C-alpha atoms as a PDB file:
ATOM      1  CA  MET A   1      18.945 -15.489 -33.416  1.00  0.00           C
ATOM      2  CA  ILE A   2      18.331 -18.088 -30.684  1.00  0.00           C
ATOM      3  CA  GLU A   3      16.178 -20.987 -31.744  1.00  0.00           C
ATOM      4  CA  LYS A   4      12.990 -21.680 -29.789  1.00  0.00           C
ATOM      5  CA  ALA A   5      14.331 -25.045 -28.587  1.00  0.00           C
ATOM      6  CA  GLU A   6      17.545 -23.448 -27.264  1.00  0.00           C
ATOM      7  CA  ALA A   7      15.698 -20.603 -25.535  1.00  0.00           C
ATOM      8  CA  THR A   8      13.384 -22.972 -23.675  1.00  0.00           C
ATOM      9  CA  ALA A   9      15.702 -25.960 -23.159  1.00  0.00           C
ATOM     10  CA  ALA A  10      16.072 -25.247 -19.445  1.00  0.00           C
ATOM     11  CA  LEU A  11      12.339 -24.923 -18.756  1.00  0.00           C
ATOM     12  CA  PRO A  12      11.010 -27.564 -16.348  1.00  0.00           C
ATOM     13  CA  PHE A  13       8.046 -28.287 -18.637  1.00  0.00           C
ATOM     14  CA  SER A  14       7.304 -28.928 -22.289  1.00  0.00           C
ATOM     15  CA  ILE A  15       6.097 -25.998 -24.348  1.00  0.00           C
ATOM     16  CA  GLU A  16       4.386 -28.216 -26.875  1.00  0.00           C
ATOM     17  CA  ARG A  17       0.598 -28.435 -26.833  1.00  0.00           C
ATOM     18  CA  PRO A  18      -0.347 -31.331 -24.591  1.00  0.00           C
ATOM     19  CA  VAL A  19      -2.102 -34.207 -26.327  1.00  0.00           C
ATOM     20  CA  SER A  20      -2.785 -36.472 -23.346  1.00  0.00           C
ATOM     21  CA  ARG A  21      -4.084 -36.107 -19.811  1.00  0.00           C
ATOM     22  CA  GLN A  22      -0.668 -37.087 -18.458  1.00  0.00           C
ATOM     23  CA  GLU A  23       1.141 -34.393 -20.480  1.00  0.00           C
ATOM     24  CA  ALA A  24      -1.352 -31.757 -19.337  1.00  0.00           C
ATOM     25  CA  GLU A  25      -1.009 -32.802 -15.688  1.00  0.00           C
ATOM     26  CA  ASN A  26       2.797 -32.897 -15.962  1.00  0.00           C
ATOM     27  CA  PHE A  27       2.773 -29.359 -17.359  1.00  0.00           C
ATOM     28  CA  CYS A  28       0.477 -28.042 -14.613  1.00  0.00           C
ATOM     29  CA  ASN A  29       2.477 -29.799 -11.880  1.00  0.00           C
ATOM     30  CA  ALA A  30       5.788 -28.447 -13.209  1.00  0.00           C
ATOM     31  CA  VAL A  31       4.421 -24.897 -13.271  1.00  0.00           C
ATOM     32  CA  ARG A  32       2.991 -25.349  -9.762  1.00  0.00           C
ATOM     33  CA  LYS A  33       6.367 -26.597  -8.452  1.00  0.00           C
ATOM     34  CA  THR A  34       8.089 -23.622 -10.083  1.00  0.00           C
ATOM     35  CA  MET A  35       5.554 -21.313  -8.447  1.00  0.00           C
ATOM     36  CA  GLU A  36       6.085 -22.970  -5.042  1.00  0.00           C
ATOM     37  CA  ARG A  37       9.876 -22.576  -5.259  1.00  0.00           C
ATOM     38  CA  LEU A  38       9.520 -18.977  -6.427  1.00  0.00           C
ATOM     39  CA  LEU A  39       7.185 -18.313  -3.508  1.00  0.00           C
ATOM     40  CA  GLU A  40       9.800 -19.677  -1.090  1.00  0.00           C
ATOM     41  CA  VAL A  41      12.510 -17.468  -2.593  1.00  0.00           C
ATOM     42  CA  VAL A  42      10.266 -14.376  -2.592  1.00  0.00           C
ATOM     43  CA  GLU A  43       9.240 -14.903   1.039  1.00  0.00           C
ATOM     44  CA  THR A  44      12.878 -15.408   2.061  1.00  0.00           C
ATOM     45  CA  GLU A  45      13.876 -12.259   0.170  1.00  0.00           C
ATOM     46  CA  THR A  46      11.072 -10.280   1.840  1.00  0.00           C
ATOM     47  CA  ASP A  47      12.143 -11.472   5.294  1.00  0.00           C
ATOM     48  CA  LEU A  48      15.807 -10.649   4.613  1.00  0.00           C
ATOM     49  CA  VAL A  49      15.009  -7.147   3.326  1.00  0.00           C
ATOM     50  CA  ARG A  50      12.764  -6.463   6.311  1.00  0.00           C
ATOM     51  CA  ALA A  51      15.627  -7.587   8.589  1.00  0.00           C
ATOM     52  CA  GLY A  52      18.019  -5.252   6.776  1.00  0.00           C
ATOM     53  CA  GLN A  53      20.117  -8.098   5.359  1.00  0.00           C
ATOM     54  CA  LEU A  54      20.288  -6.646   1.866  1.00  0.00           C
ATOM     55  CA  ARG A  55      23.441  -8.467   0.825  1.00  0.00           C
ATOM     56  CA  ALA A  56      21.887 -11.851   1.664  1.00  0.00           C
ATOM     57  CA  ALA A  57      18.709 -10.820  -0.156  1.00  0.00           C
ATOM     58  CA  GLY A  58      20.798  -9.851  -3.171  1.00  0.00           C
ATOM     59  CA  ASP A  59      22.334 -13.317  -3.244  1.00  0.00           C
ATOM     60  CA  LEU A  60      18.877 -14.705  -4.095  1.00  0.00           C
ATOM     61  CA  GLN A  61      18.566 -12.652  -7.281  1.00  0.00           C
ATOM     62  CA  GLY A  62      20.085 -15.232  -9.622  1.00  0.00           C
ATOM     63  CA  GLU A  63      17.761 -18.018  -8.574  1.00  0.00           C
ATOM     64  CA  LYS A  64      14.809 -15.634  -8.422  1.00  0.00           C
ATOM     65  CA  ALA A  65      15.442 -14.419 -11.981  1.00  0.00           C
ATOM     66  CA  VAL A  66      15.502 -17.982 -13.325  1.00  0.00           C
ATOM     67  CA  LEU A  67      12.332 -18.896 -11.426  1.00  0.00           C
ATOM     68  CA  VAL A  68      10.538 -15.740 -12.583  1.00  0.00           C
ATOM     69  CA  HIS A  69      11.463 -16.597 -16.169  1.00  0.00           C
ATOM     70  CA  HIS A  70      10.161 -20.154 -15.798  1.00  0.00           C
ATOM     71  CA  TYR A  71       6.984 -18.934 -14.070  1.00  0.00           C
ATOM     72  CA  THR A  72       6.320 -16.301 -16.722  1.00  0.00           C
ATOM     73  CA  GLN A  73       6.893 -18.757 -19.541  1.00  0.00           C
ATOM     74  CA  GLY A  74       4.626 -21.282 -17.811  1.00  0.00           C
ATOM     75  CA  VAL A  75       1.808 -18.749 -17.512  1.00  0.00           C
ATOM     76  CA  LEU A  76       2.226 -17.714 -21.159  1.00  0.00           C
ATOM     77  CA  TYR A  77       2.164 -21.303 -22.395  1.00  0.00           C
ATOM     78  CA  ALA A  78      -0.768 -22.137 -20.117  1.00  0.00           C
ATOM     79  CA  LYS A  79      -2.722 -19.287 -21.722  1.00  0.00           C
ATOM     80  CA  GLU A  80      -1.651 -20.384 -25.179  1.00  0.00           C
ATOM     81  CA  HIS A  81      -2.755 -23.985 -24.556  1.00  0.00           C
ATOM     82  CA  SER A  82      -5.626 -23.234 -22.185  1.00  0.00           C
ATOM     83  CA  VAL A  83      -8.255 -25.076 -24.207  1.00  0.00           C
ATOM     84  CA  ALA A  84      -6.188 -28.253 -24.463  1.00  0.00           C
ATOM     85  CA  LEU A  85      -5.175 -28.094 -20.792  1.00  0.00           C
ATOM     86  CA  GLY A  86      -8.753 -27.466 -19.673  1.00  0.00           C
ATOM     87  CA  ASN A  87     -10.085 -30.361 -21.721  1.00  0.00           C
ATOM     88  CA  LEU A  88      -7.371 -32.842 -20.775  1.00  0.00           C
ATOM     89  CA  ALA A  89      -6.777 -32.032 -17.078  1.00  0.00           C
ATOM     90  CA  PRO A  90      -9.461 -29.721 -15.650  1.00  0.00           C
ATOM     91  CA  ALA A  91      -8.621 -30.507 -12.011  1.00  0.00           C
ATOM     92  CA  ALA A  92      -4.920 -29.731 -12.515  1.00  0.00           C
ATOM     93  CA  VAL A  93      -5.815 -26.478 -14.278  1.00  0.00           C
ATOM     94  CA  GLN A  94      -8.118 -25.462 -11.400  1.00  0.00           C
ATOM     95  CA  ALA A  95      -5.359 -26.192  -8.873  1.00  0.00           C
ATOM     96  CA  LEU A  96      -2.932 -24.117 -10.953  1.00  0.00           C
ATOM     97  CA  ARG A  97      -5.393 -21.201 -11.162  1.00  0.00           C
ATOM     98  CA  ARG A  98      -6.034 -21.340  -7.415  1.00  0.00           C
ATOM     99  CA  GLN A  99      -2.327 -21.345  -6.609  1.00  0.00           C
ATOM    100  CA  HIS A 100      -1.742 -18.498  -9.082  1.00  0.00           C
ATOM    101  CA  ALA A 101      -4.455 -16.426  -7.366  1.00  0.00           C
ATOM    102  CA  GLU A 102      -2.913 -17.077  -3.936  1.00  0.00           C
ATOM    103  CA  PHE A 103       0.522 -16.189  -5.277  1.00  0.00           C
ATOM    104  CA  GLN A 104      -0.379 -12.659  -6.424  1.00  0.00           C
ATOM    105  CA  PRO A 105      -0.798 -11.067  -2.949  1.00  0.00           C
ATOM    106  CA  VAL A 106       2.571 -12.456  -1.837  1.00  0.00           C
ATOM    107  CA  LEU A 107       4.209 -10.867  -4.862  1.00  0.00           C
ATOM    108  CA  ARG A 108       2.521  -7.537  -4.083  1.00  0.00           C
ATOM    109  CA  ILE A 109       3.866  -7.642  -0.520  1.00  0.00           C
ATOM    110  CA  ASN A 110       7.355  -8.449  -1.795  1.00  0.00           C
ATOM    111  CA  LEU A 111       7.236  -5.578  -4.282  1.00  0.00           C
ATOM    112  CA  ALA A 112       6.048  -3.175  -1.575  1.00  0.00           C
ATOM    113  CA  VAL A 113       8.896  -4.206   0.746  1.00  0.00           C
ATOM    114  CA  LEU A 114      11.458  -3.828  -2.040  1.00  0.00           C
ATOM    115  CA  ALA A 115      10.033  -0.437  -3.012  1.00  0.00           C
ATOM    116  CA  THR A 116      10.236   0.737   0.602  1.00  0.00           C
ATOM    117  CA  ALA A 117      13.841  -0.437   0.891  1.00  0.00           C
ATOM    118  CA  ARG A 118      14.683   1.362  -2.364  1.00  0.00           C
ATOM    119  CA  GLU A 119      13.045   4.582  -1.118  1.00  0.00           C
ATOM    120  CA  VAL A 120      14.986   4.404   2.151  1.00  0.00           C
ATOM    121  CA  ALA A 121      18.265   3.847   0.309  1.00  0.00           C
ATOM    122  CA  ASP A 122      17.515   6.710  -2.098  1.00  0.00           C
ATOM    123  CA  SER A 123      16.638   8.984   0.819  1.00  0.00           C
ATOM    124  CA  ILE A 124      19.911   8.165   2.581  1.00  0.00           C
ATOM    125  CA  VAL A 125      21.979   8.765  -0.549  1.00  0.00           C
ATOM    126  CA  ASN A 126      20.151  12.037  -1.287  1.00  0.00           C
ATOM    127  CA  THR A 127      20.595  13.253   2.297  1.00  0.00           C
ATOM    128  CA  VAL A 128      24.320  12.489   2.235  1.00  0.00           C
ATOM    129  CA  ALA A 129      24.709  14.107  -1.188  1.00  0.00           C
ATOM    130  CA  ARG A 130      22.936  17.272   0.013  1.00  0.00           C
ATOM    131  CA  ALA A 131      25.084  17.394   3.159  1.00  0.00           C
ATOM    132  CA  VAL A 132      28.287  16.952   1.175  1.00  0.00           C
ATOM    133  CA  GLY A 133      27.219  19.448  -1.458  1.00  0.00           C
ATOM    134  CA  ALA A 134      26.036  22.088   0.994  1.00  0.00           C
ATOM    135  CA  LYS A 135      27.954  25.315   0.933  1.00  0.00           C
ATOM    136  CA  GLN A 136      29.888  25.804   4.138  1.00  0.00           C
ATOM    137  CA  ARG A 137      29.688  29.273   5.553  1.00  0.00           C
ATOM    138  CA  THR A 138      32.513  30.536   7.669  1.00  0.00           C
ATOM    139  CA  THR A 139      31.526  32.416  10.816  1.00  0.00           C
ATOM    140  CA  THR A 140      34.918  34.070  11.315  1.00  0.00           C
ATOM    141  CA  TYR A 141      36.942  36.669   9.452  1.00  0.00           C
ATOM    142  CA  GLY A 142      39.854  35.906   7.166  1.00  0.00           C
ATOM    143  CA  PRO A 143      43.417  37.247   7.371  1.00  0.00           C
ATOM    144  CA  ALA A 144      43.730  40.939   8.215  1.00  0.00           C
ATOM    145  CA  GLY A 145      40.022  41.100   9.130  1.00  0.00           C
ATOM    146  CA  ALA A 146      38.864  40.575   5.549  1.00  0.00           C
ATOM    147  CA  PRO A 147      35.583  38.741   4.991  1.00  0.00           C
ATOM    148  CA  PRO A 148      35.992  35.062   4.169  1.00  0.00           C
ATOM    149  CA  ALA A 149      36.238  33.932   0.570  1.00  0.00           C
ATOM    150  CA  ALA A 150      33.044  32.785  -1.132  1.00  0.00           C
ATOM    151  CA  PRO A 151      32.083  29.260  -0.150  1.00  0.00           C
ATOM    152  CA  ARG A 152      33.014  26.495  -2.590  1.00  0.00           C
ATOM    153  CA  PRO A 153      30.595  23.737  -3.433  1.00  0.00           C
ATOM    154  CA  ALA A 154      31.669  20.178  -2.703  1.00  0.00           C
ATOM    155  CA  GLU A 155      33.566  18.538  -5.541  1.00  0.00           C
ATOM    156  CA  GLY A 156      32.331  14.954  -5.169  1.00  0.00           C
ATOM    157  CA  ILE A 157      30.964  12.232  -2.995  1.00  0.00           C
ATOM    158  CA  SER A 158      32.570   9.015  -1.833  1.00  0.00           C
ATOM    159  CA  VAL A 159      30.625   5.860  -1.053  1.00  0.00           C
ATOM    160  CA  ASN A 160      32.011   3.087   1.128  1.00  0.00           C
ATOM    161  CA  ARG A 161      30.528  -0.080  -0.411  1.00  0.00           C
ATOM    162  CA  SER A 162      31.888  -2.329   2.318  1.00  0.00           C
ATOM    163  CA  LEU A 163      29.190  -1.165   4.720  1.00  0.00           C
END
């Protein structure tokens, strides 16, 4: 089992309950910076997907996953220590809440763009699979005027991943 210290060692903020104004402000500022960087990555990903540059958008997934983890952990710890944060640094907490509220619509747009791209890709794959799997009907006669043999279904599909 991973210890709590090991699991959170890479977080850009302390997960301990803040006991001073400075600690509370440092926590809020670290979460805000994480949110700002995540926003940049999400907006870049959205633009790349809209432009059809899916490979470039995929290259952002590693950084995005780390930032999402940090953001999620920050929100969880902020909720856990909300009383202490609110008492020690109310202005920093308000700024964090405001930024969090502004962040949500951007995430919804990103998710909608990704869902649309996924639907388009699924539609293309399904259309190709149906075309490949369609039974081909011969419009001519076979040898000696016999009707053609029963159509055979396709035996597989090949995908060129280099495209």
